[in-house]
Amino acid sequence: MIRHVQHIGERTPIRRPSPPIRATSLGLAILLAGLLTGCATTKAPVLFSAAPRLTGEIVRVNDRARYVVAECSVLPSPGEEATVMRGDQFVGRIRFSSQMRPPFAVADILEGEPLAGDRWRVDREGSGTSLEQKL
């Protein structure tokens, strides 16, 4: 077999792929581009859900000193106010103090007569619900 020896200054001919190979390469490139970009959607992605509502249960009540001990899954911030409910009925409002030891927090009774077993929830919208408005 005789091989062609390239001499200095001689140009190498450019080999072009045959049309079926070009079509296959183009199809493969389109398929890969589709897989890498993913599915298009018209819905905006949800980055954050609504803030969890702080809720809990009153476990102890000191009527004389007007405070409650509340059990919390997430501790509220000192100064945050909460509505106290007994079933579906509004029974009072409390304000959390800085005295906290997970999962318990101390809160001053602002109005109403909460009892052990009542549920509380923090109203972050600042609804300002009072016992007089509910009655």
C-alpha atoms as a PDB file:
ATOM      1  CA  MET A   1       0.000   0.000   0.000  1.00  0.00           C
ATOM      2  CA  ILE A   2       1.213   3.375  -0.886  1.00  0.00           C
ATOM      3  CA  ARG A   3       0.326   6.168   1.435  1.00  0.00           C
ATOM      4  CA  HIS A   4       0.076   9.698   0.368  1.00  0.00           C
ATOM      5  CA  VAL A   5       2.716  11.803   2.039  1.00  0.00           C
ATOM      6  CA  GLN A   6       1.705  15.395   2.600  1.00  0.00           C
ATOM      7  CA  HIS A   7       4.290  17.883   1.556  1.00  0.00           C
ATOM      8  CA  ILE A   8       4.816  21.240   3.211  1.00  0.00           C
ATOM      9  CA  GLY A   9       2.437  23.816   1.812  1.00  0.00           C
ATOM     10  CA  GLU A  10       0.043  21.202   0.431  1.00  0.00           C
ATOM     11  CA  ARG A  11      -3.539  21.661   1.541  1.00  0.00           C
ATOM     12  CA  THR A  12      -5.557  18.850   3.034  1.00  0.00           C
ATOM     13  CA  PRO A  13      -8.960  18.508   1.413  1.00  0.00           C
ATOM     14  CA  ILE A  14     -11.898  19.209   3.789  1.00  0.00           C
ATOM     15  CA  ARG A  15     -14.130  16.216   4.210  1.00  0.00           C
ATOM     16  CA  ARG A  16     -17.804  17.044   4.490  1.00  0.00           C
ATOM     17  CA  PRO A  17     -20.131  14.544   6.178  1.00  0.00           C
ATOM     18  CA  SER A  18     -22.724  12.937   4.004  1.00  0.00           C
ATOM     19  CA  PRO A  19     -26.291  14.356   4.261  1.00  0.00           C
ATOM     20  CA  PRO A  20     -27.747  11.472   6.361  1.00  0.00           C
ATOM     21  CA  ILE A  21     -25.088  11.986   9.052  1.00  0.00           C
ATOM     22  CA  ARG A  22     -25.791  15.743   9.148  1.00  0.00           C
ATOM     23  CA  ALA A  23     -29.527  15.122   9.576  1.00  0.00           C
ATOM     24  CA  THR A  24     -28.890  12.602  12.364  1.00  0.00           C
ATOM     25  CA  SER A  25     -26.555  15.028  14.152  1.00  0.00           C
ATOM     26  CA  LEU A  26     -29.100  17.825  13.863  1.00  0.00           C
ATOM     27  CA  GLY A  27     -31.872  15.592  15.216  1.00  0.00           C
ATOM     28  CA  LEU A  28     -29.695  14.514  18.143  1.00  0.00           C
ATOM     29  CA  ALA A  29     -28.804  18.138  18.938  1.00  0.00           C
ATOM     30  CA  ILE A  30     -32.507  19.130  18.957  1.00  0.00           C
ATOM     31  CA  LEU A  31     -33.382  16.182  21.206  1.00  0.00           C
ATOM     32  CA  LEU A  32     -30.616  17.050  23.685  1.00  0.00           C
ATOM     33  CA  ALA A  33     -31.618  20.719  23.714  1.00  0.00           C
ATOM     34  CA  GLY A  34     -35.214  19.726  24.522  1.00  0.00           C
ATOM     35  CA  LEU A  35     -34.126  17.445  27.342  1.00  0.00           C
ATOM     36  CA  LEU A  36     -31.828  20.041  28.867  1.00  0.00           C
ATOM     37  CA  THR A  37     -34.371  22.881  28.841  1.00  0.00           C
ATOM     38  CA  GLY A  38     -37.169  20.856  30.438  1.00  0.00           C
ATOM     39  CA  CYS A  39     -40.881  21.337  30.029  1.00  0.00           C
ATOM     40  CA  ALA A  40     -42.297  24.803  29.583  1.00  0.00           C
ATOM     41  CA  THR A  41     -45.033  25.853  31.991  1.00  0.00           C
ATOM     42  CA  THR A  42     -47.318  28.846  32.162  1.00  0.00           C
ATOM     43  CA  LYS A  43     -47.512  28.828  35.976  1.00  0.00           C
ATOM     44  CA  ALA A  44     -45.006  30.858  37.948  1.00  0.00           C
ATOM     45  CA  PRO A  45     -42.977  28.723  40.354  1.00  0.00           C
ATOM     46  CA  VAL A  46     -43.876  29.015  44.023  1.00  0.00           C
ATOM     47  CA  LEU A  47     -40.741  30.055  45.852  1.00  0.00           C
ATOM     48  CA  PHE A  48     -42.230  30.627  49.281  1.00  0.00           C
ATOM     49  CA  SER A  49     -45.397  29.368  50.868  1.00  0.00           C
ATOM     50  CA  ALA A  50     -47.442  31.455  53.242  1.00  0.00           C
ATOM     51  CA  ALA A  51     -45.845  31.909  56.635  1.00  0.00           C
ATOM     52  CA  PRO A  52     -46.913  29.221  59.061  1.00  0.00           C
ATOM     53  CA  ARG A  53     -49.597  30.376  61.460  1.00  0.00           C
ATOM     54  CA  LEU A  54     -48.405  30.262  65.042  1.00  0.00           C
ATOM     55  CA  THR A  55     -50.809  28.245  67.167  1.00  0.00           C
ATOM     56  CA  GLY A  56     -50.788  26.328  70.412  1.00  0.00           C
ATOM     57  CA  GLU A  57     -52.646  25.441  73.565  1.00  0.00           C
ATOM     58  CA  ILE A  58     -52.873  27.078  76.974  1.00  0.00           C
ATOM     59  CA  VAL A  59     -51.641  24.626  79.612  1.00  0.00           C
ATOM     60  CA  ARG A  60     -51.737  26.754  82.809  1.00  0.00           C
ATOM     61  CA  VAL A  61     -53.629  29.872  83.886  1.00  0.00           C
ATOM     62  CA  ASN A  62     -52.817  32.187  86.798  1.00  0.00           C
ATOM     63  CA  ASP A  63     -55.982  34.307  87.217  1.00  0.00           C
ATOM     64  CA  ARG A  64     -54.588  36.342  90.092  1.00  0.00           C
ATOM     65  CA  ALA A  65     -51.412  37.450  88.254  1.00  0.00           C
ATOM     66  CA  ARG A  66     -53.253  37.512  84.856  1.00  0.00           C
ATOM     67  CA  TYR A  67     -50.875  35.336  82.845  1.00  0.00           C
ATOM     68  CA  VAL A  68     -50.950  31.980  81.050  1.00  0.00           C
ATOM     69  CA  VAL A  69     -48.375  29.359  80.144  1.00  0.00           C
ATOM     70  CA  ALA A  70     -48.838  28.372  76.516  1.00  0.00           C
ATOM     71  CA  GLU A  71     -47.454  25.352  74.707  1.00  0.00           C
ATOM     72  CA  CYS A  72     -46.053  26.241  71.276  1.00  0.00           C
ATOM     73  CA  SER A  73     -44.757  24.241  68.324  1.00  0.00           C
ATOM     74  CA  VAL A  74     -42.894  27.399  67.204  1.00  0.00           C
ATOM     75  CA  LEU A  75     -42.162  30.078  69.773  1.00  0.00           C
ATOM     76  CA  PRO A  76     -43.736  33.472  69.050  1.00  0.00           C
ATOM     77  CA  SER A  77     -41.747  36.692  69.330  1.00  0.00           C
ATOM     78  CA  PRO A  78     -41.924  38.639  72.583  1.00  0.00           C
ATOM     79  CA  GLY A  79     -44.691  41.241  72.333  1.00  0.00           C
ATOM     80  CA  GLU A  80     -46.697  39.285  69.771  1.00  0.00           C
ATOM     81  CA  GLU A  81     -50.407  39.115  70.493  1.00  0.00           C
ATOM     82  CA  ALA A  82     -52.686  36.127  70.006  1.00  0.00           C
ATOM     83  CA  THR A  83     -56.389  35.381  69.956  1.00  0.00           C
ATOM     84  CA  VAL A  84     -57.635  32.747  72.420  1.00  0.00           C
ATOM     85  CA  MET A  85     -60.414  30.449  71.208  1.00  0.00           C
ATOM     86  CA  ARG A  86     -62.537  27.824  72.931  1.00  0.00           C
ATOM     87  CA  GLY A  87     -63.836  25.701  70.101  1.00  0.00           C
ATOM     88  CA  ASP A  88     -65.177  28.260  67.596  1.00  0.00           C
ATOM     89  CA  GLN A  89     -65.787  30.936  70.245  1.00  0.00           C
ATOM     90  CA  PHE A  90     -63.478  33.888  70.921  1.00  0.00           C
ATOM     91  CA  VAL A  91     -62.622  34.041  74.654  1.00  0.00           C
ATOM     92  CA  GLY A  92     -59.749  36.540  74.932  1.00  0.00           C
ATOM     93  CA  ARG A  93     -56.389  37.929  73.861  1.00  0.00           C
ATOM     94  CA  ILE A  94     -52.879  37.358  75.205  1.00  0.00           C
ATOM     95  CA  ARG A  95     -49.474  39.022  74.661  1.00  0.00           C
ATOM     96  CA  PHE A  96     -46.322  36.918  74.819  1.00  0.00           C
ATOM     97  CA  SER A  97     -43.515  38.022  77.126  1.00  0.00           C
ATOM     98  CA  SER A  98     -39.805  37.312  76.798  1.00  0.00           C
ATOM     99  CA  GLN A  99     -40.079  34.435  79.292  1.00  0.00           C
ATOM    100  CA  MET A 100     -39.821  31.350  77.088  1.00  0.00           C
ATOM    101  CA  ARG A 101     -38.442  27.872  77.481  1.00  0.00           C
ATOM    102  CA  PRO A 102     -39.252  25.637  74.498  1.00  0.00           C
ATOM    103  CA  PRO A 103     -41.922  24.440  74.002  1.00  0.00           C
ATOM    104  CA  PHE A 104     -43.509  26.811  76.553  1.00  0.00           C
ATOM    105  CA  ALA A 105     -44.016  30.575  76.588  1.00  0.00           C
ATOM    106  CA  VAL A 106     -45.540  32.932  79.170  1.00  0.00           C
ATOM    107  CA  ALA A 107     -48.169  35.415  77.995  1.00  0.00           C
ATOM    108  CA  ASP A 108     -50.050  38.192  79.784  1.00  0.00           C
ATOM    109  CA  ILE A 109     -53.845  38.094  79.620  1.00  0.00           C
ATOM    110  CA  LEU A 110     -54.981  41.271  77.854  1.00  0.00           C
ATOM    111  CA  GLU A 111     -58.702  40.529  77.932  1.00  0.00           C
ATOM    112  CA  GLY A 112     -61.148  37.706  78.518  1.00  0.00           C
ATOM    113  CA  GLU A 113     -60.939  34.629  80.739  1.00  0.00           C
ATOM    114  CA  PRO A 114     -58.821  31.935  79.053  1.00  0.00           C
ATOM    115  CA  LEU A 115     -58.786  28.441  80.557  1.00  0.00           C
ATOM    116  CA  ALA A 116     -56.352  25.541  80.323  1.00  0.00           C
ATOM    117  CA  GLY A 117     -57.117  23.635  77.130  1.00  0.00           C
ATOM    118  CA  ASP A 118     -58.097  26.734  75.131  1.00  0.00           C
ATOM    119  CA  ARG A 119     -56.321  27.162  71.793  1.00  0.00           C
ATOM    120  CA  TRP A 120     -54.481  30.323  70.739  1.00  0.00           C
ATOM    121  CA  ARG A 121     -53.310  31.660  67.391  1.00  0.00           C
ATOM    122  CA  VAL A 122     -51.197  34.649  66.425  1.00  0.00           C
ATOM    123  CA  ASP A 123     -52.964  37.074  64.114  1.00  0.00           C
ATOM    124  CA  ARG A 124     -50.219  38.670  62.031  1.00  0.00           C
ATOM    125  CA  GLU A 125     -52.607  40.704  59.931  1.00  0.00           C
ATOM    126  CA  GLY A 126     -53.278  42.934  62.952  1.00  0.00           C
ATOM    127  CA  SER A 127     -57.031  42.355  62.937  1.00  0.00           C
ATOM    128  CA  GLY A 128     -57.351  44.035  66.354  1.00  0.00           C
ATOM    129  CA  THR A 129     -60.243  41.819  67.404  1.00  0.00           C
ATOM    130  CA  SER A 130     -61.443  42.632  70.897  1.00  0.00           C
ATOM    131  CA  LEU A 131     -63.794  40.826  73.220  1.00  0.00           C
ATOM    132  CA  GLU A 132     -66.299  43.703  72.980  1.00  0.00           C
ATOM    133  CA  GLN A 133     -66.376  43.401  69.179  1.00  0.00           C
ATOM    134  CA  LYS A 134     -67.028  39.665  69.358  1.00  0.00           C
ATOM    135  CA  LEU A 135     -69.838  39.891  71.933  1.00  0.00           C
END
